[in-house]
Amino acid sequence: MHTEKSTPLSAAQIPVYIGMMSGTSLDGVDGVLVRLPVTQGDTMELLASAYIPFSEELRRQALQLQQPGENEIHHEALLANALAHSYTTCTSALLSNYPHLAVRAIGVHGQTIRHRPELGFTRQTNNPALLAELTSIDVIADFRSRDVAAGGQGAPLVPAFHRAIFGHSGQCRVVVNIGGISNISILAADGATTGFDTGPGNVLMDYWIQKHQGVSYDADGAWAALGQVNEALLSRLMSESFLLLPPPKSTGRDLFHADWLQRHLQQFSSMNAVDVQATLCAFTAHSLALAIMSNVPQTEMVYVCGGGAYNATLMRMLQGALRAEASDAEVQSTAQLGVAPEHVEALAFAWLAQQFCLRQAGNLPEVTGAKGLRILGALYPA
């Protein structure tokens, strides 16, 4: 058999994609403008990044739709339109220094309002047709439903991308994404890749500090650092059955929400609010450590992305929880690998858009439990 070695493309020839992600933290849109490798030897080049915060009204609308309510179809349609305008604003910001750059496609996740793969559906609110109309760029959206249709969880979708940019031959690595919900990608030394949702990331901590401090998140984990972890409450939180389910598995606000937390707090009504925050931070750390040590105790490095990477208290607790399980794994930010934590998920959806355009699979059945490899997404032409 004769094979020809591929010739790396020049930078001008490498396609440019936009990726955008708005996650369960409901804080805003992260976007990237990136040249993505096509052939071996090409390199990924981040051209621009942007963050567009959600207005309080948009965030309220999105939170309202996390639970059943009156006139949901109407409210979801309005939210979808508002999101499309936020995504358009993000696109304009990304292209502000590249007004004549040809973008192959926008990969946009949308805003998850229901995730029930056990019932055969997942719902990411978005109006990609409006986004294509406003930007005059092809839009690829609705990445999760095809995997769910094939019997999968539809999540997490990032492990294949994590393998592509973070995998290291001969070293076992775990990439931890801490957004509203936490998930891990296990990048084995032999090239095998698995992953799953582990439980809450910031979602419960964000709810608690909003309720008691009137701010949307605990910057750097500063408030949690002032509290004391209540071991009895931590043990109760860690008894959640989802944590012990074998993968593939995924979760979201459908499980980890305010009512779930309040039920667990009923026997702890005299606790100081700051101690609850410290315990919630420990819960995220210990649930991640449990997932890592139960599935890949030989992990050598743990790289954290998402907003949780900027929570020093959480990072310290995660390292401590792993040490308590006799793990030698070091916890670091993906910045140590040259990718800022806040860019990883947006880059992943740019990559998934490219996979769609190349008609290549975007899922990993060993991660999601789908019946096989599937091309993910739907095209909305400009």
Protein backbone atom coordinates (compact mmCIF):
# COMPACT_ATOMS: atom_id res chain seq x y z
CA MET A 1 0.00 0.00 0.00
CA HIS A 2 1.30 3.42 -0.94
CA THR A 3 0.52 6.29 1.41
CA GLU A 4 1.33 9.92 0.90
CA LYS A 5 2.38 12.13 3.77
CA SER A 6 -0.03 15.03 4.22
CA THR A 7 1.39 18.49 3.72
CA PRO A 8 0.53 20.99 6.44
CA LEU A 9 -1.65 23.81 5.22
CA SER A 10 -0.58 27.43 5.41
CA ALA A 11 -2.36 29.52 8.04
CA ALA A 12 -4.43 31.24 5.36
CA GLN A 13 -5.75 27.85 4.19
CA ILE A 14 -6.82 26.52 7.59
CA PRO A 15 -10.57 27.02 8.07
CA VAL A 16 -11.79 29.47 10.69
CA TYR A 17 -14.66 28.61 13.02
CA ILE A 18 -16.51 30.35 15.81
CA GLY A 19 -17.48 28.38 18.90
CA MET A 20 -19.87 29.64 21.57
CA MET A 21 -20.96 28.16 24.87
CA SER A 22 -23.41 29.30 27.52
CA GLY A 23 -23.53 26.77 30.31
CA THR A 24 -25.49 25.85 33.41
CA SER A 25 -23.93 28.71 35.38
CA LEU A 26 -26.14 31.05 33.31
CA ASP A 27 -23.62 33.88 33.56
CA GLY A 28 -23.08 34.65 29.88
CA VAL A 29 -21.65 33.57 26.54
CA ASP A 30 -18.02 32.55 26.01
CA GLY A 31 -16.92 32.74 22.38
CA VAL A 32 -13.78 31.98 20.39
CA LEU A 33 -12.60 32.63 16.85
CA VAL A 34 -10.17 29.86 15.94
CA ARG A 35 -8.30 28.21 13.11
CA LEU A 36 -8.72 24.48 13.62
CA PRO A 37 -6.32 21.82 12.33
CA VAL A 38 -7.47 19.79 9.33
CA THR A 39 -4.44 17.60 8.63
CA GLN A 40 -1.61 16.29 10.77
CA GLY A 41 0.94 19.05 11.17
CA ASP A 42 -1.60 21.86 11.24
CA THR A 43 -1.85 23.81 14.48
CA MET A 44 -4.79 25.34 16.32
CA GLU A 45 -4.63 29.13 16.39
CA LEU A 46 -6.88 31.17 18.68
CA LEU A 47 -7.52 34.46 16.90
CA ALA A 48 -9.91 36.11 19.34
CA SER A 49 -12.08 35.48 22.36
CA ALA A 50 -15.06 37.31 23.80
CA TYR A 51 -17.37 37.13 26.79
CA ILE A 52 -20.88 38.60 26.71
CA PRO A 53 -22.58 38.61 30.13
CA PHE A 54 -26.27 37.85 30.33
CA SER A 55 -28.58 40.60 31.47
CA GLU A 56 -30.41 39.98 34.72
CA GLU A 57 -33.66 39.65 32.77
CA LEU A 58 -32.25 37.03 30.40
CA ARG A 59 -30.77 35.10 33.31
CA ARG A 60 -34.12 35.26 35.12
CA GLN A 61 -35.92 33.92 32.04
CA ALA A 62 -33.47 31.06 31.72
CA LEU A 63 -33.73 30.15 35.41
CA GLN A 64 -37.53 30.28 35.21
CA LEU A 65 -37.49 27.68 32.44
CA GLN A 66 -35.42 25.24 34.48
CA GLN A 67 -38.67 24.15 36.14
CA PRO A 68 -42.18 23.56 34.72
CA GLY A 69 -44.25 26.70 34.56
CA GLU A 70 -47.11 28.49 32.86
CA ASN A 71 -46.98 29.29 29.13
CA GLU A 72 -43.57 27.64 28.72
CA ILE A 73 -43.60 27.52 24.92
CA HIS A 74 -44.07 31.28 24.71
CA HIS A 75 -41.35 32.01 27.28
CA GLU A 76 -38.90 29.59 25.70
CA ALA A 77 -39.39 31.17 22.26
CA LEU A 78 -38.67 34.62 23.66
CA LEU A 79 -35.58 33.32 25.47
CA ALA A 80 -34.36 31.66 22.27
CA ASN A 81 -34.61 34.96 20.41
CA ALA A 82 -32.80 36.82 23.20
CA LEU A 83 -30.03 34.23 23.18
CA ALA A 84 -29.62 34.56 19.41
CA HIS A 85 -29.09 38.30 19.85
CA SER A 86 -26.48 37.64 22.58
CA TYR A 87 -24.72 35.18 20.29
CA THR A 88 -24.80 37.77 17.51
CA THR A 89 -23.22 40.34 19.81
CA CYS A 90 -20.52 37.81 20.68
CA THR A 91 -19.90 37.09 16.98
CA SER A 92 -19.51 40.81 16.25
CA ALA A 93 -17.02 41.16 19.10
CA LEU A 94 -14.98 38.21 17.84
CA LEU A 95 -14.83 39.61 14.31
CA SER A 96 -14.20 43.24 15.30
CA ASN A 97 -10.54 42.97 14.28
CA TYR A 98 -11.24 40.63 11.35
CA PRO A 99 -14.04 42.33 9.37
CA HIS A 100 -13.24 40.52 6.12
CA LEU A 101 -12.37 37.10 7.51
CA ALA A 102 -14.38 34.21 6.03
CA VAL A 103 -15.82 32.05 8.82
CA ARG A 104 -16.72 28.50 7.83
CA ALA A 105 -19.39 28.08 10.50
CA ILE A 106 -20.54 29.02 14.00
CA GLY A 107 -20.87 26.13 16.43
CA VAL A 108 -23.26 27.13 19.21
CA HIS A 109 -24.47 24.97 22.07
CA GLY A 110 -27.58 26.86 23.16
CA GLN A 111 -28.89 27.01 26.72
CA THR A 112 -29.87 23.75 28.37
CA ILE A 113 -33.26 23.98 30.05
CA ARG A 114 -34.07 20.26 30.27
CA HIS A 115 -31.79 17.25 30.14
CA ARG A 116 -33.68 13.97 30.42
CA PRO A 117 -31.88 11.37 28.31
CA GLU A 118 -33.59 8.61 30.29
CA LEU A 119 -36.81 9.89 28.69
CA GLY A 120 -35.20 10.25 25.29
CA PHE A 121 -34.75 14.01 25.07
CA THR A 122 -32.49 16.93 25.86
CA ARG A 123 -33.43 20.54 25.20
CA GLN A 124 -30.99 23.33 24.41
CA THR A 125 -32.92 26.55 23.79
CA ASN A 126 -31.66 28.55 20.84
CA ASN A 127 -32.84 30.15 17.60
CA PRO A 128 -30.05 29.18 15.18
CA ALA A 129 -32.10 30.29 12.18
CA LEU A 130 -32.21 33.82 13.59
CA LEU A 131 -28.48 33.67 14.39
CA ALA A 132 -27.71 32.67 10.78
CA GLU A 133 -29.93 35.50 9.56
CA LEU A 134 -28.27 38.10 11.78
CA THR A 135 -24.66 37.04 11.14
CA SER A 136 -24.82 35.78 7.52
CA ILE A 137 -22.71 32.80 8.66
CA ASP A 138 -23.65 29.11 8.58
CA VAL A 139 -24.70 27.95 12.04
CA ILE A 140 -24.34 24.43 13.44
CA ALA A 141 -26.49 23.79 16.50
CA ASP A 142 -28.42 21.08 18.39
CA PHE A 143 -25.38 18.87 18.98
CA ARG A 144 -26.76 16.65 21.73
CA SER A 145 -30.06 15.29 20.39
CA ARG A 146 -28.53 12.98 17.76
CA ASP A 147 -26.54 11.14 20.40
CA VAL A 148 -29.66 10.84 22.58
CA ALA A 149 -31.59 9.50 19.58
CA ALA A 150 -28.92 6.80 19.31
CA GLY A 151 -29.53 5.77 22.92
CA GLY A 152 -26.81 7.93 24.44
CA GLN A 153 -26.73 10.47 27.24
CA GLY A 154 -25.97 13.34 24.86
CA ALA A 155 -23.29 14.37 27.36
CA PRO A 156 -20.55 14.99 27.93
CA LEU A 157 -19.50 15.80 24.37
CA VAL A 158 -16.12 17.35 25.16
CA PRO A 159 -13.95 14.25 25.82
CA ALA A 160 -13.15 13.70 22.12
CA PHE A 161 -11.96 17.31 21.87
CA HIS A 162 -10.03 16.99 25.13
CA ARG A 163 -8.24 13.96 23.70
CA ALA A 164 -7.38 15.89 20.55
CA ILE A 165 -5.74 18.83 22.34
CA PHE A 166 -4.79 17.56 25.82
CA GLY A 167 -3.99 13.88 25.31
CA HIS A 168 -0.41 12.77 26.04
CA SER A 169 1.05 9.43 24.98
CA GLY A 170 2.33 7.54 27.96
CA GLN A 171 0.60 9.66 30.63
CA CYS A 172 -2.82 9.19 32.19
CA ARG A 173 -4.59 12.53 32.45
CA VAL A 174 -8.01 13.64 33.64
CA VAL A 175 -9.50 16.86 32.33
CA VAL A 176 -12.07 18.28 34.75
CA ASN A 177 -14.59 20.80 33.50
CA ILE A 178 -16.23 22.71 36.35
CA GLY A 179 -19.10 24.83 35.13
CA GLY A 180 -22.53 24.69 36.71
CA ILE A 181 -22.17 20.90 36.51
CA SER A 182 -18.84 19.06 36.64
CA ASN A 183 -17.66 16.45 34.16
CA ILE A 184 -14.42 14.60 33.60
CA SER A 185 -12.60 13.30 30.55
CA ILE A 186 -10.30 10.36 31.23
CA LEU A 187 -7.41 10.39 28.77
CA ALA A 188 -5.67 7.07 29.33
CA ALA A 189 -1.99 6.62 28.55
CA ASP A 190 -2.83 4.05 25.83
CA GLY A 191 -5.06 6.48 23.93
CA ALA A 192 -8.42 5.27 25.28
CA THR A 193 -10.88 8.02 26.18
CA THR A 194 -13.89 7.97 28.49
CA GLY A 195 -15.80 10.56 30.49
CA PHE A 196 -19.01 11.41 32.31
CA ASP A 197 -20.76 13.99 34.47
CA THR A 198 -19.72 13.71 38.10
CA GLY A 199 -22.27 15.96 39.83
CA PRO A 200 -22.53 19.63 40.75
CA GLY A 201 -19.84 22.12 39.89
CA ASN A 202 -20.72 25.70 40.75
CA VAL A 203 -24.51 25.45 40.51
CA LEU A 204 -25.26 24.94 44.22
CA MET A 205 -22.55 27.35 45.39
CA ASP A 206 -23.86 30.01 42.98
CA TYR A 207 -27.40 29.56 44.26
CA TRP A 208 -26.34 29.78 47.91
CA ILE A 209 -24.18 32.89 47.61
CA GLN A 210 -26.86 34.62 45.53
CA LYS A 211 -29.39 33.86 48.24
CA HIS A 212 -27.21 35.07 51.13
CA GLN A 213 -24.76 37.58 49.66
CA GLY A 214 -26.65 38.93 46.65
CA VAL A 215 -23.84 38.18 44.18
CA SER A 216 -23.91 35.69 41.33
CA TYR A 217 -20.82 33.64 42.25
CA ASP A 218 -18.15 33.20 44.93
CA ALA A 219 -15.16 34.95 43.36
CA ASP A 220 -12.00 32.92 44.02
CA GLY A 221 -13.94 30.92 46.62
CA ALA A 222 -13.29 33.76 49.06
CA TRP A 223 -16.56 33.34 50.98
CA ALA A 224 -16.23 29.54 51.18
CA ALA A 225 -12.71 30.00 52.55
CA LEU A 226 -14.16 31.83 55.57
CA GLY A 227 -16.38 28.89 56.55
CA GLN A 228 -15.90 25.49 58.13
CA VAL A 229 -16.84 22.28 56.35
CA ASN A 230 -19.60 20.43 58.20
CA GLU A 231 -18.67 16.77 57.88
CA ALA A 232 -22.18 15.52 58.70
CA LEU A 233 -23.73 17.64 55.97
CA LEU A 234 -20.96 16.69 53.54
CA SER A 235 -21.63 13.02 54.23
CA ARG A 236 -25.33 13.54 53.61
CA LEU A 237 -24.69 15.32 50.30
CA MET A 238 -22.27 12.58 49.24
CA SER A 239 -25.02 9.99 49.78
CA GLU A 240 -26.73 11.20 46.57
CA SER A 241 -27.30 8.04 44.51
CA PHE A 242 -26.23 9.68 41.24
CA LEU A 243 -22.64 9.83 42.48
CA LEU A 244 -22.48 6.04 42.71
CA LEU A 245 -24.08 5.27 39.35
CA PRO A 246 -21.71 3.70 36.85
CA PRO A 247 -21.00 5.63 33.64
CA PRO A 248 -22.25 6.52 31.12
CA LYS A 249 -24.20 9.14 33.04
CA SER A 250 -25.08 12.81 32.83
CA THR A 251 -26.96 15.27 34.98
CA GLY A 252 -27.94 18.93 35.33
CA ARG A 253 -30.27 21.31 37.11
CA ASP A 254 -33.01 18.70 36.71
CA LEU A 255 -31.41 16.99 39.74
CA PHE A 256 -29.14 19.50 41.47
CA HIS A 257 -31.37 22.49 42.20
CA ALA A 258 -32.52 24.64 45.12
CA ASP A 259 -35.22 22.23 46.34
CA TRP A 260 -32.73 19.34 46.33
CA LEU A 261 -30.37 21.37 48.51
CA GLN A 262 -33.09 22.57 50.87
CA ARG A 263 -34.18 18.97 51.52
CA HIS A 264 -30.66 18.09 52.61
CA LEU A 265 -30.45 21.19 54.81
CA GLN A 266 -33.57 20.46 56.82
CA GLN A 267 -31.57 18.89 59.65
CA PHE A 268 -28.98 21.67 59.58
CA SER A 269 -31.15 24.76 60.02
CA SER A 270 -28.83 26.25 62.66
CA MET A 271 -25.74 26.18 60.43
CA ASN A 272 -24.10 29.44 59.49
CA ALA A 273 -24.62 30.27 55.83
CA VAL A 274 -20.87 30.59 55.26
CA ASP A 275 -20.32 27.06 56.61
CA VAL A 276 -22.92 25.76 54.16
CA GLN A 277 -20.97 27.46 51.36
CA ALA A 278 -17.73 25.85 52.51
CA THR A 279 -19.45 22.47 52.63
CA LEU A 280 -20.92 22.90 49.14
CA CYS A 281 -17.45 23.69 47.85
CA ALA A 282 -16.15 20.54 49.54
CA PHE A 283 -19.04 18.56 48.02
CA THR A 284 -17.98 19.51 44.50
CA ALA A 285 -14.35 18.66 45.29
CA HIS A 286 -15.10 15.32 46.97
CA SER A 287 -17.58 14.18 44.32
CA LEU A 288 -14.92 14.85 41.68
CA ALA A 289 -12.27 13.01 43.69
CA LEU A 290 -14.65 10.06 44.14
CA ALA A 291 -15.28 9.90 40.38
CA ILE A 292 -11.56 10.04 39.57
CA MET A 293 -10.41 7.52 42.15
CA SER A 294 -13.27 5.08 41.46
CA ASN A 295 -12.59 5.01 37.73
CA VAL A 296 -8.96 5.93 37.14
CA PRO A 297 -6.90 5.72 40.37
CA GLN A 298 -3.68 5.73 38.32
CA THR A 299 -4.27 9.33 37.20
CA GLU A 300 -1.04 11.30 37.07
CA MET A 301 -2.32 14.78 36.23
CA VAL A 302 -5.67 16.52 36.71
CA TYR A 303 -6.22 19.60 34.56
CA VAL A 304 -9.16 21.85 35.41
CA CYS A 305 -11.08 24.10 33.03
CA GLY A 306 -14.29 26.10 33.30
CA GLY A 307 -15.07 28.74 35.88
CA GLY A 308 -14.12 26.42 38.73
CA ALA A 309 -10.47 26.66 37.71
CA TYR A 310 -10.51 30.23 39.07
CA ASN A 311 -11.88 29.18 42.46
CA ALA A 312 -8.72 28.83 44.55
CA THR A 313 -10.61 27.30 47.48
CA LEU A 314 -12.18 24.66 45.25
CA MET A 315 -8.86 23.84 43.58
CA ARG A 316 -7.23 23.47 47.00
CA MET A 317 -10.07 21.25 48.25
CA LEU A 318 -9.88 19.06 45.14
CA GLN A 319 -6.15 18.54 45.64
CA GLY A 320 -6.78 17.75 49.31
CA ALA A 321 -9.59 15.29 48.52
CA LEU A 322 -7.33 13.42 46.09
CA ARG A 323 -4.50 13.35 48.64
CA ALA A 324 -6.94 11.94 51.21
CA GLU A 325 -7.54 9.04 48.79
CA ALA A 326 -3.78 8.42 48.54
CA SER A 327 -3.56 9.85 45.03
CA ASP A 328 -0.34 11.45 43.83
CA ALA A 329 -2.13 13.28 41.01
CA GLU A 330 -1.33 16.97 40.71
CA VAL A 331 -4.19 19.43 40.15
CA GLN A 332 -3.48 22.28 37.73
CA SER A 333 -5.36 24.60 35.41
CA THR A 334 -5.47 23.90 31.66
CA ALA A 335 -3.61 27.20 31.37
CA GLN A 336 -0.54 25.06 32.12
CA LEU A 337 -1.21 23.35 28.78
CA GLY A 338 -1.58 26.65 26.95
CA VAL A 339 -5.39 26.89 26.90
CA ALA A 340 -7.21 29.32 29.20
CA PRO A 341 -9.87 27.51 31.28
CA GLU A 342 -12.68 29.78 30.08
CA HIS A 343 -11.95 29.01 26.41
CA VAL A 344 -12.04 25.21 26.48
CA GLU A 345 -15.78 24.61 26.06
CA ALA A 346 -16.22 27.25 23.38
CA LEU A 347 -13.28 25.72 21.51
CA ALA A 348 -14.95 22.33 21.83
CA PHE A 349 -18.08 23.55 20.05
CA ALA A 350 -16.01 25.14 17.30
CA TRP A 351 -14.37 21.71 16.93
CA LEU A 352 -17.76 19.97 16.90
CA ALA A 353 -18.90 22.37 14.17
CA GLN A 354 -15.85 21.40 12.15
CA GLN A 355 -16.60 17.71 12.70
CA PHE A 356 -20.08 18.31 11.29
CA CYS A 357 -18.72 20.16 8.28
CA LEU A 358 -16.25 17.32 7.63
CA ARG A 359 -19.07 14.79 8.12
CA GLN A 360 -17.13 13.13 10.89
CA ALA A 361 -18.45 11.81 14.19
CA GLY A 362 -18.47 14.12 17.18
CA ASN A 363 -19.50 11.69 19.91
CA LEU A 364 -17.68 8.85 21.65
CA PRO A 365 -20.04 5.92 22.30
CA GLU A 366 -17.83 4.73 25.17
CA VAL A 367 -18.53 8.09 26.83
CA THR A 368 -22.22 8.67 26.13
CA GLY A 369 -23.46 5.11 25.73
CA ALA A 370 -24.79 5.74 22.21
CA LYS A 371 -25.15 2.80 19.83
CA GLY A 372 -22.28 4.06 17.71
CA LEU A 373 -20.43 7.01 16.26
CA ARG A 374 -22.74 9.77 15.04
CA ILE A 375 -22.40 13.07 13.20
CA LEU A 376 -23.72 15.65 15.64
CA GLY A 377 -25.54 18.88 14.92
CA ALA A 378 -27.91 20.47 12.45
CA LEU A 379 -27.07 23.03 9.78
CA TYR A 380 -28.77 26.40 9.44
CA PRO A 381 -27.32 27.90 6.24
CA ALA A 382 -26.56 31.62 6.06
